[in-house]
Amino acid sequence: QVQLEESGGGLVQAGGSLRLSCAASGSIFSFATMSWYWYRQAPGKRRELVARIFSGGSTNYADSVKGRFTITRDDAMNMAYLQMNDLKVDDTAVYYCNTASFWGQGTQVTVSS
């Protein structure tokens, strides 16, 4: 049974930084050929795609986070990361990772003004 576990969320002041991690476990297969995604969902809003990284390393970002967030991956460890800099109050949400159609349980990011 594949499991994804996010970590690294927390409370930070506007302008601060956080680094989210997502670890995949329970599979004997490598996720190296899979894309990784980070989504977020704020209260009362729909879940939105924040960033994705393809197996070749190319990336896409939502316009709202371009220049501030960076998605990376470590195929040897079956992990993905989301470096979030210059955080804004509007970045407050539960952040979820996704790969190979599996979802993590989410990690809360709260940005205070």
C-alpha atoms as a PDB file:
ATOM      1  CA  GLN A   1       0.000   0.000   0.000  1.00  0.00           C
ATOM      2  CA  VAL A   2       1.552   3.247  -1.160  1.00  0.00           C
ATOM      3  CA  GLN A   3       1.457   6.107   1.294  1.00  0.00           C
ATOM      4  CA  LEU A   4       2.418   9.727   0.853  1.00  0.00           C
ATOM      5  CA  GLU A   5       3.280  11.794   3.880  1.00  0.00           C
ATOM      6  CA  GLU A   6       3.728  15.545   3.849  1.00  0.00           C
ATOM      7  CA  SER A   7       5.672  17.450   6.477  1.00  0.00           C
ATOM      8  CA  GLY A   8       7.117  20.875   7.065  1.00  0.00           C
ATOM      9  CA  GLY A   9       3.985  22.939   7.440  1.00  0.00           C
ATOM     10  CA  GLY A  10       3.498  25.403  10.245  1.00  0.00           C
ATOM     11  CA  LEU A  11       2.870  28.990  11.247  1.00  0.00           C
ATOM     12  CA  VAL A  12       5.039  31.680   9.698  1.00  0.00           C
ATOM     13  CA  GLN A  13       4.890  35.438   9.357  1.00  0.00           C
ATOM     14  CA  ALA A  14       4.329  37.058   5.998  1.00  0.00           C
ATOM     15  CA  GLY A  15       7.596  37.264   4.114  1.00  0.00           C
ATOM     16  CA  GLY A  16       8.914  34.126   5.736  1.00  0.00           C
ATOM     17  CA  SER A  17       9.791  30.743   4.261  1.00  0.00           C
ATOM     18  CA  LEU A  18       8.836  27.127   4.701  1.00  0.00           C
ATOM     19  CA  ARG A  19       9.978  23.943   3.044  1.00  0.00           C
ATOM     20  CA  LEU A  20       7.453  21.173   2.570  1.00  0.00           C
ATOM     21  CA  SER A  21       8.491  17.583   2.070  1.00  0.00           C
ATOM     22  CA  CYS A  22       6.549  14.654   0.674  1.00  0.00           C
ATOM     23  CA  ALA A  23       7.748  11.108   1.163  1.00  0.00           C
ATOM     24  CA  ALA A  24       6.372   8.069  -0.657  1.00  0.00           C
ATOM     25  CA  SER A  25       6.555   4.717   1.049  1.00  0.00           C
ATOM     26  CA  GLY A  26       5.113   1.236   0.780  1.00  0.00           C
ATOM     27  CA  SER A  27       6.116   0.606  -2.801  1.00  0.00           C
ATOM     28  CA  ILE A  28       8.956  -1.422  -4.196  1.00  0.00           C
ATOM     29  CA  PHE A  29       8.818   0.662  -7.338  1.00  0.00           C
ATOM     30  CA  SER A  30      10.570   3.916  -7.988  1.00  0.00           C
ATOM     31  CA  PHE A  31       8.525   7.000  -8.671  1.00  0.00           C
ATOM     32  CA  ALA A  32      11.256   8.295 -10.966  1.00  0.00           C
ATOM     33  CA  THR A  33       9.013   8.087 -14.040  1.00  0.00           C
ATOM     34  CA  MET A  34       6.118   9.825 -12.313  1.00  0.00           C
ATOM     35  CA  SER A  35       5.295  13.486 -12.051  1.00  0.00           C
ATOM     36  CA  TRP A  36       4.877  15.018  -8.601  1.00  0.00           C
ATOM     37  CA  TYR A  37       2.312  17.645  -7.789  1.00  0.00           C
ATOM     38  CA  TRP A  38       1.672  20.032  -4.928  1.00  0.00           C
ATOM     39  CA  TYR A  39      -1.884  21.243  -4.423  1.00  0.00           C
ATOM     40  CA  ARG A  40      -3.420  23.469  -1.777  1.00  0.00           C
ATOM     41  CA  GLN A  41      -6.877  24.076  -0.443  1.00  0.00           C
ATOM     42  CA  ALA A  42      -7.858  27.118   1.553  1.00  0.00           C
ATOM     43  CA  PRO A  43     -11.037  27.167   3.674  1.00  0.00           C
ATOM     44  CA  GLY A  44     -14.098  27.540   1.480  1.00  0.00           C
ATOM     45  CA  LYS A  45     -12.093  27.270  -1.718  1.00  0.00           C
ATOM     46  CA  ARG A  46     -11.455  24.585  -4.266  1.00  0.00           C
ATOM     47  CA  ARG A  47      -8.256  22.589  -4.265  1.00  0.00           C
ATOM     48  CA  GLU A  48      -5.807  24.183  -6.682  1.00  0.00           C
ATOM     49  CA  LEU A  49      -2.620  23.037  -8.330  1.00  0.00           C
ATOM     50  CA  VAL A  50       0.362  24.963  -7.045  1.00  0.00           C
ATOM     51  CA  ALA A  51       3.302  23.291  -8.746  1.00  0.00           C
ATOM     52  CA  ARG A  52       4.293  20.183 -10.611  1.00  0.00           C
ATOM     53  CA  ILE A  53       7.544  18.587 -11.657  1.00  0.00           C
ATOM     54  CA  PHE A  54       7.839  16.080 -14.460  1.00  0.00           C
ATOM     55  CA  SER A  55      10.122  13.074 -14.571  1.00  0.00           C
ATOM     56  CA  GLY A  56      12.640  14.980 -16.671  1.00  0.00           C
ATOM     57  CA  GLY A  57      12.772  17.778 -14.132  1.00  0.00           C
ATOM     58  CA  SER A  58      10.769  20.441 -15.929  1.00  0.00           C
ATOM     59  CA  THR A  59       8.359  22.373 -13.755  1.00  0.00           C
ATOM     60  CA  ASN A  60       5.148  24.368 -13.893  1.00  0.00           C
ATOM     61  CA  TYR A  61       3.758  26.801 -11.338  1.00  0.00           C
ATOM     62  CA  ALA A  62       0.530  28.591 -10.662  1.00  0.00           C
ATOM     63  CA  ASP A  63       0.821  32.275 -11.513  1.00  0.00           C
ATOM     64  CA  SER A  64       0.210  33.188  -7.890  1.00  0.00           C
ATOM     65  CA  VAL A  65       3.395  31.451  -6.714  1.00  0.00           C
ATOM     66  CA  LYS A  66       5.769  31.958  -9.624  1.00  0.00           C
ATOM     67  CA  GLY A  67       9.083  33.347  -8.501  1.00  0.00           C
ATOM     68  CA  ARG A  68       8.376  32.468  -4.861  1.00  0.00           C
ATOM     69  CA  PHE A  69       7.912  28.682  -4.778  1.00  0.00           C
ATOM     70  CA  THR A  70      10.250  25.995  -6.083  1.00  0.00           C
ATOM     71  CA  ILE A  71       9.369  22.342  -6.535  1.00  0.00           C
ATOM     72  CA  THR A  72      12.130  19.749  -6.565  1.00  0.00           C
ATOM     73  CA  ARG A  73      12.366  15.989  -6.402  1.00  0.00           C
ATOM     74  CA  ASP A  74      14.730  13.305  -5.155  1.00  0.00           C
ATOM     75  CA  ASP A  75      14.110  10.135  -7.114  1.00  0.00           C
ATOM     76  CA  ALA A  76      16.576   8.113  -5.067  1.00  0.00           C
ATOM     77  CA  MET A  77      14.523   8.841  -1.956  1.00  0.00           C
ATOM     78  CA  ASN A  78      11.073   8.859  -3.593  1.00  0.00           C
ATOM     79  CA  MET A  79      10.526  12.368  -2.279  1.00  0.00           C
ATOM     80  CA  ALA A  80       9.404  15.765  -3.486  1.00  0.00           C
ATOM     81  CA  TYR A  81       9.797  19.169  -1.927  1.00  0.00           C
ATOM     82  CA  LEU A  82       8.207  22.576  -2.120  1.00  0.00           C
ATOM     83  CA  GLN A  83      10.369  25.507  -1.077  1.00  0.00           C
ATOM     84  CA  MET A  84       8.123  28.458  -0.311  1.00  0.00           C
ATOM     85  CA  ASN A  85       9.661  31.889   0.033  1.00  0.00           C
ATOM     86  CA  ASP A  86       8.176  35.333   0.573  1.00  0.00           C
ATOM     87  CA  LEU A  87       5.014  33.771   1.910  1.00  0.00           C
ATOM     88  CA  LYS A  88       1.816  35.784   1.850  1.00  0.00           C
ATOM     89  CA  VAL A  89      -1.339  35.566   3.924  1.00  0.00           C
ATOM     90  CA  ASP A  90      -3.142  34.258   0.839  1.00  0.00           C
ATOM     91  CA  ASP A  91      -0.823  31.231   0.816  1.00  0.00           C
ATOM     92  CA  THR A  92      -2.571  29.963   3.948  1.00  0.00           C
ATOM     93  CA  ALA A  93      -4.019  26.545   3.125  1.00  0.00           C
ATOM     94  CA  VAL A  94      -3.637  22.826   3.582  1.00  0.00           C
ATOM     95  CA  TYR A  95      -0.972  21.642   1.168  1.00  0.00           C
ATOM     96  CA  TYR A  96      -1.193  18.204  -0.406  1.00  0.00           C
ATOM     97  CA  CYS A  97       1.228  16.229  -2.498  1.00  0.00           C
ATOM     98  CA  ASN A  98       0.218  13.848  -5.222  1.00  0.00           C
ATOM     99  CA  THR A  99       2.004  11.331  -7.371  1.00  0.00           C
ATOM    100  CA  ALA A 100       0.847   8.290  -9.324  1.00  0.00           C
ATOM    101  CA  SER A 101      -2.745   9.108  -8.293  1.00  0.00           C
ATOM    102  CA  PHE A 102      -1.908   8.843  -4.592  1.00  0.00           C
ATOM    103  CA  TRP A 103      -2.554  11.658  -2.124  1.00  0.00           C
ATOM    104  CA  GLY A 104      -1.043  12.578   1.170  1.00  0.00           C
ATOM    105  CA  GLN A 105      -3.062  13.667   4.168  1.00  0.00           C
ATOM    106  CA  GLY A 106      -1.998  17.277   3.865  1.00  0.00           C
ATOM    107  CA  THR A 107       0.020  19.691   5.957  1.00  0.00           C
ATOM    108  CA  GLN A 108      -1.279  23.011   7.241  1.00  0.00           C
ATOM    109  CA  VAL A 109       0.497  26.206   6.267  1.00  0.00           C
ATOM    110  CA  THR A 110      -0.618  29.349   8.047  1.00  0.00           C
ATOM    111  CA  VAL A 111       0.834  32.726   7.176  1.00  0.00           C
ATOM    112  CA  SER A 112       0.154  35.564   9.586  1.00  0.00           C
ATOM    113  CA  SER A 113       0.258  39.253   8.735  1.00  0.00           C
END
